[in-house]
Amino acid sequence: MAQTPAYGERQLSPDSEIWYSLKYAIAASSGFQRWQLERDAQLQGLRLEQQVQRYLRETLETLAY
């Protein structure tokens, strides 16, 4: 018999699980934390997901040069 998730539990797709894990691994990195400190005022009010996305975008733009 299949179990249904308890109230408040969410089943994530495999891609969502990967993004969730990756997002928190990035947030724990020293590079991200340094980046956060440098942009403290610009990041006010942004969710962690938005901050990680901005960090990744800026990092990739830098690498593209």
PDB file of N, CA and C in Angstrom:
ATOM      1  N   MET A   1       0.843  -1.180   0.000  1.00  0.00           N
ATOM      2  CA  MET A   1       0.000   0.000   0.000  1.00  0.00           C
ATOM      3  C   MET A   1       0.890   1.245   0.000  1.00  0.00           C
ATOM      4  N   ALA A   2       0.583   2.202  -0.866  1.00  0.00           N
ATOM      5  CA  ALA A   2       1.363   3.433  -0.959  1.00  0.00           C
ATOM      6  C   ALA A   2       1.050   4.348   0.216  1.00  0.00           C
ATOM      7  N   GLN A   3       2.100   4.965   0.728  1.00  0.00           N
ATOM      8  CA  GLN A   3       1.901   5.895   1.831  1.00  0.00           C
ATOM      9  C   GLN A   3       1.702   7.297   1.282  1.00  0.00           C
ATOM     10  N   THR A   4       0.818   8.030   1.896  1.00  0.00           N
ATOM     11  CA  THR A   4       0.620   9.420   1.504  1.00  0.00           C
ATOM     12  C   THR A   4       1.425  10.289   2.452  1.00  0.00           C
ATOM     13  N   PRO A   5       1.948  11.403   1.967  1.00  0.00           N
ATOM     14  CA  PRO A   5       2.741  12.274   2.841  1.00  0.00           C
ATOM     15  C   PRO A   5       1.888  12.838   3.963  1.00  0.00           C
ATOM     16  N   ALA A   6       2.492  13.020   5.123  1.00  0.00           N
ATOM     17  CA  ALA A   6       1.797  13.641   6.253  1.00  0.00           C
ATOM     18  C   ALA A   6       1.540  15.098   5.930  1.00  0.00           C
ATOM     19  N   TYR A   7       0.608  15.692   6.642  1.00  0.00           N
ATOM     20  CA  TYR A   7       0.287  17.095   6.435  1.00  0.00           C
ATOM     21  C   TYR A   7       1.550  17.928   6.577  1.00  0.00           C
ATOM     22  N   GLY A   8       1.788  18.805   5.666  1.00  0.00           N
ATOM     23  CA  GLY A   8       2.940  19.691   5.703  1.00  0.00           C
ATOM     24  C   GLY A   8       4.153  19.123   4.991  1.00  0.00           C
ATOM     25  N   GLU A   9       4.169  17.818   4.729  1.00  0.00           N
ATOM     26  CA  GLU A   9       5.278  17.231   3.981  1.00  0.00           C
ATOM     27  C   GLU A   9       4.993  17.396   2.506  1.00  0.00           C
ATOM     28  N   ARG A  10       6.035  17.664   1.761  1.00  0.00           N
ATOM     29  CA  ARG A  10       5.882  17.789   0.315  1.00  0.00           C
ATOM     30  C   ARG A  10       6.778  16.760  -0.338  1.00  0.00           C
ATOM     31  N   GLN A  11       6.262  16.157  -1.375  1.00  0.00           N
ATOM     32  CA  GLN A  11       7.117  15.300  -2.166  1.00  0.00           C
ATOM     33  C   GLN A  11       7.684  16.151  -3.281  1.00  0.00           C
ATOM     34  N   LEU A  12       8.988  16.112  -3.410  1.00  0.00           N
ATOM     35  CA  LEU A  12       9.651  16.906  -4.420  1.00  0.00           C
ATOM     36  C   LEU A  12      10.030  16.026  -5.599  1.00  0.00           C
ATOM     37  N   SER A  13      10.002  16.613  -6.772  1.00  0.00           N
ATOM     38  CA  SER A  13      10.484  15.899  -7.942  1.00  0.00           C
ATOM     39  C   SER A  13      11.997  15.736  -7.797  1.00  0.00           C
ATOM     40  N   PRO A  14      12.588  14.799  -8.523  1.00  0.00           N
ATOM     41  CA  PRO A  14      14.052  14.644  -8.434  1.00  0.00           C
ATOM     42  C   PRO A  14      14.804  15.944  -8.740  1.00  0.00           C
ATOM     43  N   ASP A  15      14.345  16.707  -9.724  1.00  0.00           N
ATOM     44  CA  ASP A  15      14.999  17.983 -10.043  1.00  0.00           C
ATOM     45  C   ASP A  15      14.873  18.973  -8.890  1.00  0.00           C
ATOM     46  N   SER A  16      13.706  19.003  -8.255  1.00  0.00           N
ATOM     47  CA  SER A  16      13.501  19.903  -7.128  1.00  0.00           C
ATOM     48  C   SER A  16      14.374  19.513  -5.948  1.00  0.00           C
ATOM     49  N   GLU A  17      14.529  18.221  -5.722  1.00  0.00           N
ATOM     50  CA  GLU A  17      15.397  17.744  -4.636  1.00  0.00           C
ATOM     51  C   GLU A  17      16.842  18.163  -4.885  1.00  0.00           C
ATOM     52  N   ILE A  18      17.281  18.049  -6.139  1.00  0.00           N
ATOM     53  CA  ILE A  18      18.651  18.438  -6.483  1.00  0.00           C
ATOM     54  C   ILE A  18      18.830  19.939  -6.259  1.00  0.00           C
ATOM     55  N   TRP A  19      17.899  20.756  -6.735  1.00  0.00           N
ATOM     56  CA  TRP A  19      17.988  22.208  -6.583  1.00  0.00           C
ATOM     57  C   TRP A  19      17.990  22.578  -5.111  1.00  0.00           C
ATOM     58  N   TYR A  20      17.139  21.944  -4.317  1.00  0.00           N
ATOM     59  CA  TYR A  20      17.064  22.215  -2.880  1.00  0.00           C
ATOM     60  C   TYR A  20      18.423  21.958  -2.233  1.00  0.00           C
ATOM     61  N   SER A  21      19.021  20.802  -2.518  1.00  0.00           N
ATOM     62  CA  SER A  21      20.317  20.454  -1.944  1.00  0.00           C
ATOM     63  C   SER A  21      21.407  21.391  -2.436  1.00  0.00           C
ATOM     64  N   LEU A  22      21.402  21.676  -3.724  1.00  0.00           N
ATOM     65  CA  LEU A  22      22.403  22.551  -4.303  1.00  0.00           C
ATOM     66  C   LEU A  22      22.304  23.963  -3.740  1.00  0.00           C
ATOM     67  N   LYS A  23      21.098  24.458  -3.605  1.00  0.00           N
ATOM     68  CA  LYS A  23      20.872  25.809  -3.077  1.00  0.00           C
ATOM     69  C   LYS A  23      21.482  25.952  -1.685  1.00  0.00           C
ATOM     70  N   TYR A  24      21.269  24.960  -0.828  1.00  0.00           N
ATOM     71  CA  TYR A  24      21.794  25.048   0.531  1.00  0.00           C
ATOM     72  C   TYR A  24      23.295  24.786   0.584  1.00  0.00           C
ATOM     73  N   ALA A  25      23.825  23.987  -0.318  1.00  0.00           N
ATOM     74  CA  ALA A  25      25.275  23.788  -0.396  1.00  0.00           C
ATOM     75  C   ALA A  25      25.957  25.087  -0.833  1.00  0.00           C
ATOM     76  N   ILE A  26      25.368  25.769  -1.806  1.00  0.00           N
ATOM     77  CA  ILE A  26      25.916  27.048  -2.268  1.00  0.00           C
ATOM     78  C   ILE A  26      25.852  28.072  -1.146  1.00  0.00           C
ATOM     79  N   ALA A  27      24.719  28.137  -0.448  1.00  0.00           N
ATOM     80  CA  ALA A  27      24.541  29.113   0.626  1.00  0.00           C
ATOM     81  C   ALA A  27      25.541  28.893   1.762  1.00  0.00           C
ATOM     82  N   ALA A  28      25.989  27.664   1.944  1.00  0.00           N
ATOM     83  CA  ALA A  28      26.954  27.351   3.008  1.00  0.00           C
ATOM     84  C   ALA A  28      28.394  27.615   2.576  1.00  0.00           C
ATOM     85  N   SER A  29      28.614  27.890   1.298  1.00  0.00           N
ATOM     86  CA  SER A  29      29.983  28.071   0.803  1.00  0.00           C
ATOM     87  C   SER A  29      30.551  29.431   1.232  1.00  0.00           C
ATOM     88  N   SER A  30      31.862  29.450   1.391  1.00  0.00           N
ATOM     89  CA  SER A  30      32.517  30.693   1.804  1.00  0.00           C
ATOM     90  C   SER A  30      32.396  31.773   0.724  1.00  0.00           C
ATOM     91  N   GLY A  31      32.420  31.372  -0.542  1.00  0.00           N
ATOM     92  CA  GLY A  31      32.286  32.348  -1.626  1.00  0.00           C
ATOM     93  C   GLY A  31      30.943  33.052  -1.595  1.00  0.00           C
ATOM     94  N   PHE A  32      29.881  32.291  -1.368  1.00  0.00           N
ATOM     95  CA  PHE A  32      28.545  32.880  -1.292  1.00  0.00           C
ATOM     96  C   PHE A  32      28.431  33.795  -0.083  1.00  0.00           C
ATOM     97  N   GLN A  33      28.956  33.350   1.047  1.00  0.00           N
ATOM     98  CA  GLN A  33      28.859  34.157   2.264  1.00  0.00           C
ATOM     99  C   GLN A  33      29.630  35.471   2.132  1.00  0.00           C
ATOM    100  N   ARG A  34      30.784  35.424   1.478  1.00  0.00           N
ATOM    101  CA  ARG A  34      31.560  36.645   1.222  1.00  0.00           C
ATOM    102  C   ARG A  34      30.772  37.567   0.287  1.00  0.00           C
ATOM    103  N   TRP A  35      30.189  36.990  -0.760  1.00  0.00           N
ATOM    104  CA  TRP A  35      29.386  37.742  -1.718  1.00  0.00           C
ATOM    105  C   TRP A  35      28.217  38.416  -1.005  1.00  0.00           C
ATOM    106  N   GLN A  36      27.568  37.690  -0.087  1.00  0.00           N
ATOM    107  CA  GLN A  36      26.453  38.256   0.687  1.00  0.00           C
ATOM    108  C   GLN A  36      26.904  39.470   1.495  1.00  0.00           C
ATOM    109  N   LEU A  37      28.041  39.356   2.162  1.00  0.00           N
ATOM    110  CA  LEU A  37      28.542  40.458   2.989  1.00  0.00           C
ATOM    111  C   LEU A  37      28.828  41.698   2.149  1.00  0.00           C
ATOM    112  N   GLU A  38      29.350  41.491   0.948  1.00  0.00           N
ATOM    113  CA  GLU A  38      29.667  42.614   0.070  1.00  0.00           C
ATOM    114  C   GLU A  38      28.414  43.313  -0.461  1.00  0.00           C
ATOM    115  N   ARG A  39      27.292  42.611  -0.520  1.00  0.00           N
ATOM    116  CA  ARG A  39      26.068  43.158  -1.113  1.00  0.00           C
ATOM    117  C   ARG A  39      24.913  43.224  -0.128  1.00  0.00           C
ATOM    118  N   ASP A  40      25.212  43.335   1.127  1.00  0.00           N
ATOM    119  CA  ASP A  40      24.198  43.266   2.176  1.00  0.00           C
ATOM    120  C   ASP A  40      22.977  44.137   1.893  1.00  0.00           C
ATOM    121  N   ALA A  41      23.187  45.391   1.562  1.00  0.00           N
ATOM    122  CA  ALA A  41      22.066  46.313   1.347  1.00  0.00           C
ATOM    123  C   ALA A  41      21.242  45.919   0.122  1.00  0.00           C
ATOM    124  N   GLN A  42      21.894  45.400  -0.915  1.00  0.00           N
ATOM    125  CA  GLN A  42      21.191  45.037  -2.147  1.00  0.00           C
ATOM    126  C   GLN A  42      20.327  43.786  -1.968  1.00  0.00           C
ATOM    127  N   LEU A  43      20.641  42.983  -0.971  1.00  0.00           N
ATOM    128  CA  LEU A  43      19.960  41.699  -0.808  1.00  0.00           C
ATOM    129  C   LEU A  43      18.821  41.741   0.202  1.00  0.00           C
ATOM    130  N   GLN A  44      18.620  42.894   0.829  1.00  0.00           N
ATOM    131  CA  GLN A  44      17.561  42.999   1.826  1.00  0.00           C
ATOM    132  C   GLN A  44      16.216  42.625   1.225  1.00  0.00           C
ATOM    133  N   GLY A  45      15.501  41.753   1.882  1.00  0.00           N
ATOM    134  CA  GLY A  45      14.164  41.375   1.451  1.00  0.00           C
ATOM    135  C   GLY A  45      14.119  40.248   0.427  1.00  0.00           C
ATOM    136  N   LEU A  46      15.278  39.788  -0.038  1.00  0.00           N
ATOM    137  CA  LEU A  46      15.282  38.694  -1.007  1.00  0.00           C
ATOM    138  C   LEU A  46      15.309  37.353  -0.290  1.00  0.00           C
ATOM    139  N   ARG A  47      14.550  36.410  -0.805  1.00  0.00           N
ATOM    140  CA  ARG A  47      14.583  35.042  -0.265  1.00  0.00           C
ATOM    141  C   ARG A  47      15.924  34.412  -0.613  1.00  0.00           C
ATOM    142  N   LEU A  48      16.281  33.361   0.123  1.00  0.00           N
ATOM    143  CA  LEU A  48      17.537  32.671  -0.128  1.00  0.00           C
ATOM    144  C   LEU A  48      17.616  32.202  -1.576  1.00  0.00           C
ATOM    145  N   GLU A  49      16.535  31.684  -2.104  1.00  0.00           N
ATOM    146  CA  GLU A  49      16.536  31.211  -3.488  1.00  0.00           C
ATOM    147  C   GLU A  49      16.891  32.337  -4.453  1.00  0.00           C
ATOM    148  N   GLN A  50      16.334  33.516  -4.235  1.00  0.00           N
ATOM    149  CA  GLN A  50      16.628  34.657  -5.098  1.00  0.00           C
ATOM    150  C   GLN A  50      18.088  35.081  -4.965  1.00  0.00           C
ATOM    151  N   GLN A  51      18.618  35.032  -3.746  1.00  0.00           N
ATOM    152  CA  GLN A  51      20.015  35.387  -3.538  1.00  0.00           C
ATOM    153  C   GLN A  51      20.942  34.407  -4.246  1.00  0.00           C
ATOM    154  N   VAL A  52      20.650  33.122  -4.137  1.00  0.00           N
ATOM    155  CA  VAL A  52      21.475  32.102  -4.788  1.00  0.00           C
ATOM    156  C   VAL A  52      21.409  32.278  -6.302  1.00  0.00           C
ATOM    157  N   GLN A  53      20.236  32.540  -6.833  1.00  0.00           N
ATOM    158  CA  GLN A  53      20.112  32.744  -8.275  1.00  0.00           C
ATOM    159  C   GLN A  53      20.929  33.950  -8.729  1.00  0.00           C
ATOM    160  N   ARG A  54      20.871  35.030  -7.969  1.00  0.00           N
ATOM    161  CA  ARG A  54      21.639  36.231  -8.322  1.00  0.00           C
ATOM    162  C   ARG A  54      23.142  35.943  -8.234  1.00  0.00           C
ATOM    163  N   TYR A  55      23.554  35.237  -7.189  1.00  0.00           N
ATOM    164  CA  TYR A  55      24.964  34.867  -7.027  1.00  0.00           C
ATOM    165  C   TYR A  55      25.444  34.033  -8.206  1.00  0.00           C
ATOM    166  N   LEU A  56      24.660  33.035  -8.593  1.00  0.00           N
ATOM    167  CA  LEU A  56      25.043  32.189  -9.719  1.00  0.00           C
ATOM    168  C   LEU A  56      25.115  32.992 -11.017  1.00  0.00           C
ATOM    169  N   ARG A  57      24.155  33.875 -11.232  1.00  0.00           N
ATOM    170  CA  ARG A  57      24.148  34.700 -12.448  1.00  0.00           C
ATOM    171  C   ARG A  57      25.397  35.577 -12.503  1.00  0.00           C
ATOM    172  N   GLU A  58      25.707  36.253 -11.388  1.00  0.00           N
ATOM    173  CA  GLU A  58      26.878  37.129 -11.363  1.00  0.00           C
ATOM    174  C   GLU A  58      28.167  36.337 -11.525  1.00  0.00           C
ATOM    175  N   THR A  59      28.232  35.174 -10.919  1.00  0.00           N
ATOM    176  CA  THR A  59      29.430  34.333 -11.021  1.00  0.00           C
ATOM    177  C   THR A  59      29.621  33.874 -12.463  1.00  0.00           C
ATOM    178  N   LEU A  60      28.552  33.439 -13.097  1.00  0.00           N
ATOM    179  CA  LEU A  60      28.658  32.997 -14.486  1.00  0.00           C
ATOM    180  C   LEU A  60      29.005  34.148 -15.427  1.00  0.00           C
ATOM    181  N   GLU A  61      28.461  35.328 -15.171  1.00  0.00           N
ATOM    182  CA  GLU A  61      28.800  36.486 -15.995  1.00  0.00           C
ATOM    183  C   GLU A  61      30.278  36.817 -15.863  1.00  0.00           C
ATOM    184  N   THR A  62      30.802  36.719 -14.650  1.00  0.00           N
ATOM    185  CA  THR A  62      32.222  36.967 -14.430  1.00  0.00           C
ATOM    186  C   THR A  62      33.081  35.951 -15.162  1.00  0.00           C
ATOM    187  N   LEU A  63      32.682  34.696 -15.104  1.00  0.00           N
ATOM    188  CA  LEU A  63      33.438  33.647 -15.774  1.00  0.00           C
ATOM    189  C   LEU A  63      33.379  33.754 -17.298  1.00  0.00           C
ATOM    190  N   ALA A  64      32.336  34.381 -17.805  1.00  0.00           N
ATOM    191  CA  ALA A  64      32.152  34.494 -19.254  1.00  0.00           C
ATOM    192  C   ALA A  64      33.125  35.478 -19.889  1.00  0.00           C
ATOM    193  N   TYR A  65      33.719  36.357 -19.077  1.00  0.00           N
ATOM    194  CA  TYR A  65      34.657  37.354 -19.624  1.00  0.00           C
ATOM    195  C   TYR A  65      35.947  36.726 -20.014  1.00  0.00           C
TER     196      TYR A  65
END
